[in-house]
Amino acid sequence: MTCNTDSLPQYYMMTGKFDGHDDFKTKLTKALSESIKVVQFRQKNISNSDYFSLVKIAESVCQEFNCLLLLATSADVFFQTHADGLHLNSQAVLI
């Protein structure tokens, strides 16, 4: 299988620390307004309801900026969202 990397950006953003949903949206919006085209949403140790709420925010902001959204999660969780891609860690790949 060949992959044309010409259409992929040179870099992408991974979500970091934030203080609540409003702060997350503000920080993500600012980053995407600075030409980021791919975001990996990565959050550990939060409740499922918080996770899905944040993903919905990320989906909306990414759509607004025509940005791809990748989730670092399980396939089960990924298929409950409208994200563009899935990042599996090495443990998930080996299963």
N, C-alpha and C. Protein backbone atom coordinates (compact mmCIF):
# COMPACT_ATOMS: atom_id res chain seq x y z
N MET A 1 0.84 -1.17 0.00
CA MET A 1 0.00 0.00 0.00
C MET A 1 0.89 1.24 0.00
N THR A 2 0.54 2.20 -0.84
CA THR A 2 1.29 3.46 -0.86
C THR A 2 0.44 4.56 -0.25
N CYS A 3 1.12 5.54 0.28
CA CYS A 3 0.45 6.66 0.91
C CYS A 3 1.06 7.95 0.37
N ASN A 4 0.22 8.82 -0.14
CA ASN A 4 0.68 10.11 -0.63
C ASN A 4 0.71 11.07 0.54
N THR A 5 1.90 11.38 1.01
CA THR A 5 2.04 12.27 2.16
C THR A 5 2.04 13.75 1.78
N ASP A 6 1.95 14.05 0.49
CA ASP A 6 1.94 15.45 0.06
C ASP A 6 0.75 16.22 0.63
N SER A 7 -0.37 15.53 0.87
CA SER A 7 -1.55 16.21 1.37
C SER A 7 -1.62 16.28 2.90
N LEU A 8 -0.68 15.65 3.57
CA LEU A 8 -0.67 15.68 5.03
C LEU A 8 0.13 16.89 5.53
N PRO A 9 -0.33 17.50 6.63
CA PRO A 9 0.45 18.61 7.18
C PRO A 9 1.75 18.12 7.79
N GLN A 10 2.72 19.01 7.92
CA GLN A 10 4.01 18.63 8.49
C GLN A 10 3.92 18.33 9.97
N TYR A 11 2.95 18.90 10.65
CA TYR A 11 2.81 18.72 12.09
C TYR A 11 1.34 18.76 12.46
N TYR A 12 1.06 18.26 13.67
CA TYR A 12 -0.30 18.37 14.18
C TYR A 12 -0.25 18.62 15.68
N MET A 13 -1.38 19.00 16.23
CA MET A 13 -1.47 19.37 17.63
C MET A 13 -2.09 18.25 18.45
N MET A 14 -1.55 18.05 19.65
CA MET A 14 -2.19 17.17 20.63
C MET A 14 -2.75 18.06 21.72
N THR A 15 -3.96 17.76 22.14
CA THR A 15 -4.56 18.59 23.19
C THR A 15 -3.77 18.47 24.48
N GLY A 16 -3.75 19.55 25.22
CA GLY A 16 -3.01 19.60 26.47
C GLY A 16 -3.92 19.89 27.64
N LYS A 17 -3.38 20.59 28.61
CA LYS A 17 -4.14 20.89 29.83
C LYS A 17 -5.07 22.08 29.60
N PHE A 18 -6.18 22.05 30.30
CA PHE A 18 -7.15 23.12 30.24
C PHE A 18 -7.99 23.07 31.50
N ASP A 19 -8.68 24.17 31.78
CA ASP A 19 -9.51 24.28 32.97
C ASP A 19 -10.98 24.36 32.57
N GLY A 20 -11.57 23.23 32.32
CA GLY A 20 -12.99 23.18 31.99
C GLY A 20 -13.28 23.27 30.51
N HIS A 21 -14.56 23.09 30.20
CA HIS A 21 -15.00 23.04 28.80
C HIS A 21 -14.80 24.36 28.07
N ASP A 22 -15.09 25.48 28.73
CA ASP A 22 -14.92 26.78 28.07
C ASP A 22 -13.46 27.06 27.74
N ASP A 23 -12.57 26.74 28.68
CA ASP A 23 -11.14 26.94 28.46
C ASP A 23 -10.65 26.03 27.32
N PHE A 24 -11.14 24.80 27.28
CA PHE A 24 -10.77 23.88 26.21
C PHE A 24 -11.17 24.47 24.85
N LYS A 25 -12.40 24.93 24.75
CA LYS A 25 -12.88 25.48 23.47
C LYS A 25 -12.07 26.71 23.07
N THR A 26 -11.78 27.58 24.03
CA THR A 26 -11.00 28.78 23.76
C THR A 26 -9.61 28.43 23.25
N LYS A 27 -8.94 27.52 23.94
CA LYS A 27 -7.57 27.14 23.55
C LYS A 27 -7.56 26.44 22.20
N LEU A 28 -8.52 25.56 21.97
CA LEU A 28 -8.58 24.85 20.69
C LEU A 28 -8.86 25.83 19.55
N THR A 29 -9.79 26.73 19.75
CA THR A 29 -10.12 27.73 18.73
C THR A 29 -8.90 28.59 18.40
N LYS A 30 -8.18 29.01 19.41
CA LYS A 30 -6.97 29.83 19.19
C LYS A 30 -5.94 29.05 18.38
N ALA A 31 -5.71 27.80 18.74
CA ALA A 31 -4.72 26.98 18.02
C ALA A 31 -5.12 26.79 16.56
N LEU A 32 -6.40 26.50 16.33
CA LEU A 32 -6.83 26.25 14.96
C LEU A 32 -6.84 27.53 14.13
N SER A 33 -7.01 28.66 14.78
CA SER A 33 -6.96 29.93 14.04
C SER A 33 -5.53 30.25 13.60
N GLU A 34 -4.57 29.52 14.12
CA GLU A 34 -3.16 29.70 13.75
C GLU A 34 -2.70 28.63 12.76
N SER A 35 -3.64 28.12 11.96
CA SER A 35 -3.37 27.23 10.83
C SER A 35 -3.10 25.78 11.17
N ILE A 36 -3.41 25.32 12.36
CA ILE A 36 -3.32 23.89 12.67
C ILE A 36 -4.40 23.18 11.85
N LYS A 37 -4.06 22.06 11.21
CA LYS A 37 -5.01 21.35 10.36
C LYS A 37 -5.35 19.94 10.84
N VAL A 38 -4.64 19.45 11.86
CA VAL A 38 -4.94 18.15 12.45
C VAL A 38 -4.78 18.26 13.96
N VAL A 39 -5.77 17.75 14.69
CA VAL A 39 -5.74 17.76 16.15
C VAL A 39 -5.93 16.33 16.65
N GLN A 40 -5.09 15.95 17.59
CA GLN A 40 -5.30 14.67 18.28
C GLN A 40 -5.84 14.99 19.67
N PHE A 41 -7.07 14.55 19.92
CA PHE A 41 -7.69 14.75 21.23
C PHE A 41 -7.25 13.60 22.13
N ARG A 42 -6.56 13.97 23.21
CA ARG A 42 -6.00 12.97 24.11
C ARG A 42 -6.29 13.39 25.55
N GLN A 43 -7.15 12.66 26.19
CA GLN A 43 -7.49 12.93 27.58
C GLN A 43 -7.63 11.61 28.31
N LYS A 44 -6.97 11.51 29.43
CA LYS A 44 -7.04 10.30 30.24
C LYS A 44 -7.67 10.64 31.58
N ASN A 45 -8.22 9.63 32.20
CA ASN A 45 -8.72 9.75 33.58
C ASN A 45 -9.82 10.79 33.74
N ILE A 46 -10.74 10.84 32.78
CA ILE A 46 -11.92 11.68 32.94
C ILE A 46 -13.14 10.80 32.74
N SER A 47 -14.27 11.27 33.20
CA SER A 47 -15.50 10.48 33.08
C SER A 47 -15.92 10.38 31.61
N ASN A 48 -16.70 9.35 31.32
CA ASN A 48 -17.20 9.19 29.95
C ASN A 48 -18.03 10.39 29.52
N SER A 49 -18.86 10.92 30.42
CA SER A 49 -19.70 12.05 30.03
C SER A 49 -18.84 13.28 29.71
N ASP A 50 -17.80 13.54 30.51
CA ASP A 50 -16.88 14.65 30.21
C ASP A 50 -16.15 14.40 28.90
N TYR A 51 -15.70 13.17 28.68
CA TYR A 51 -14.97 12.83 27.46
C TYR A 51 -15.84 13.14 26.24
N PHE A 52 -17.07 12.63 26.23
CA PHE A 52 -17.93 12.83 25.06
C PHE A 52 -18.34 14.29 24.90
N SER A 53 -18.50 15.01 26.00
CA SER A 53 -18.80 16.45 25.91
C SER A 53 -17.65 17.21 25.26
N LEU A 54 -16.43 16.88 25.66
CA LEU A 54 -15.26 17.53 25.08
C LEU A 54 -15.07 17.16 23.62
N VAL A 55 -15.33 15.90 23.28
CA VAL A 55 -15.23 15.48 21.88
C VAL A 55 -16.23 16.25 21.03
N LYS A 56 -17.44 16.44 21.53
CA LYS A 56 -18.44 17.21 20.77
C LYS A 56 -17.96 18.64 20.52
N ILE A 57 -17.34 19.24 21.53
CA ILE A 57 -16.78 20.58 21.35
C ILE A 57 -15.68 20.54 20.30
N ALA A 58 -14.79 19.57 20.40
CA ALA A 58 -13.69 19.44 19.44
C ALA A 58 -14.21 19.21 18.03
N GLU A 59 -15.22 18.36 17.89
CA GLU A 59 -15.80 18.11 16.57
C GLU A 59 -16.34 19.41 15.96
N SER A 60 -17.03 20.19 16.75
CA SER A 60 -17.62 21.44 16.26
C SER A 60 -16.54 22.45 15.86
N VAL A 61 -15.55 22.63 16.71
CA VAL A 61 -14.49 23.60 16.41
C VAL A 61 -13.66 23.14 15.21
N CYS A 62 -13.35 21.86 15.16
CA CYS A 62 -12.57 21.34 14.03
C CYS A 62 -13.33 21.49 12.72
N GLN A 63 -14.63 21.24 12.76
CA GLN A 63 -15.44 21.41 11.54
C GLN A 63 -15.42 22.88 11.09
N GLU A 64 -15.53 23.78 12.05
CA GLU A 64 -15.51 25.21 11.73
C GLU A 64 -14.23 25.62 11.02
N PHE A 65 -13.10 25.01 11.39
CA PHE A 65 -11.80 25.37 10.82
C PHE A 65 -11.32 24.38 9.76
N ASN A 66 -12.20 23.47 9.35
CA ASN A 66 -11.84 22.47 8.33
C ASN A 66 -10.58 21.70 8.75
N CYS A 67 -10.60 21.22 9.97
CA CYS A 67 -9.46 20.55 10.58
C CYS A 67 -9.83 19.10 10.89
N LEU A 68 -8.91 18.19 10.69
CA LEU A 68 -9.15 16.78 11.02
C LEU A 68 -9.02 16.57 12.52
N LEU A 69 -9.89 15.73 13.06
CA LEU A 69 -9.88 15.39 14.48
C LEU A 69 -9.57 13.91 14.65
N LEU A 70 -8.48 13.63 15.34
CA LEU A 70 -8.10 12.26 15.68
C LEU A 70 -8.35 12.05 17.17
N LEU A 71 -8.81 10.87 17.53
CA LEU A 71 -9.02 10.55 18.94
C LEU A 71 -8.03 9.48 19.37
N ALA A 72 -7.41 9.70 20.51
CA ALA A 72 -6.54 8.70 21.12
C ALA A 72 -7.39 7.97 22.14
N THR A 73 -8.02 6.91 21.70
CA THR A 73 -8.98 6.19 22.53
C THR A 73 -9.13 4.77 22.00
N SER A 74 -10.13 4.09 22.47
CA SER A 74 -10.41 2.73 21.98
C SER A 74 -11.30 2.82 20.74
N ALA A 75 -11.31 1.76 19.96
CA ALA A 75 -12.17 1.72 18.78
C ALA A 75 -13.64 1.82 19.18
N ASP A 76 -14.01 1.20 20.29
CA ASP A 76 -15.40 1.26 20.75
C ASP A 76 -15.85 2.69 20.99
N VAL A 77 -15.02 3.47 21.64
CA VAL A 77 -15.34 4.87 21.92
C VAL A 77 -15.34 5.67 20.61
N PHE A 78 -14.32 5.46 19.79
CA PHE A 78 -14.20 6.19 18.52
C PHE A 78 -15.46 6.05 17.67
N PHE A 79 -16.01 4.84 17.57
CA PHE A 79 -17.18 4.62 16.70
C PHE A 79 -18.46 5.24 17.26
N GLN A 80 -18.40 5.82 18.45
CA GLN A 80 -19.54 6.54 19.01
C GLN A 80 -19.44 8.04 18.73
N THR A 81 -18.46 8.45 17.95
CA THR A 81 -18.22 9.86 17.67
C THR A 81 -18.27 10.11 16.17
N HIS A 82 -18.03 11.35 15.81
CA HIS A 82 -17.93 11.74 14.40
C HIS A 82 -16.51 12.20 14.06
N ALA A 83 -15.54 11.75 14.84
CA ALA A 83 -14.14 12.13 14.60
C ALA A 83 -13.66 11.53 13.29
N ASP A 84 -12.57 12.10 12.78
CA ASP A 84 -12.05 11.70 11.47
C ASP A 84 -11.09 10.52 11.51
N GLY A 85 -10.45 10.30 12.66
CA GLY A 85 -9.46 9.22 12.72
C GLY A 85 -9.23 8.75 14.14
N LEU A 86 -8.56 7.63 14.24
CA LEU A 86 -8.31 6.97 15.52
C LEU A 86 -6.83 6.69 15.68
N HIS A 87 -6.29 7.10 16.83
CA HIS A 87 -4.90 6.78 17.18
C HIS A 87 -4.96 5.67 18.21
N LEU A 88 -4.43 4.51 17.86
CA LEU A 88 -4.38 3.38 18.79
C LEU A 88 -3.00 3.31 19.41
N ASN A 89 -2.94 3.12 20.72
CA ASN A 89 -1.63 2.95 21.35
C ASN A 89 -1.11 1.55 21.09
N SER A 90 0.12 1.29 21.46
CA SER A 90 0.74 0.01 21.15
C SER A 90 0.02 -1.15 21.80
N GLN A 91 -0.57 -0.96 22.95
CA GLN A 91 -1.31 -2.02 23.62
C GLN A 91 -2.56 -2.42 22.83
N ALA A 92 -3.26 -1.44 22.29
CA ALA A 92 -4.47 -1.71 21.52
C ALA A 92 -4.15 -2.37 20.19
N VAL A 93 -3.04 -2.02 19.60
CA VAL A 93 -2.65 -2.59 18.32
C VAL A 93 -2.30 -4.08 18.47
N LEU A 94 -1.75 -4.45 19.61
CA LEU A 94 -1.33 -5.82 19.83
C LEU A 94 -2.47 -6.77 20.15
N ILE A 95 -3.63 -6.23 20.45
CA ILE A 95 -4.77 -7.08 20.82
C ILE A 95 -5.37 -7.72 19.60
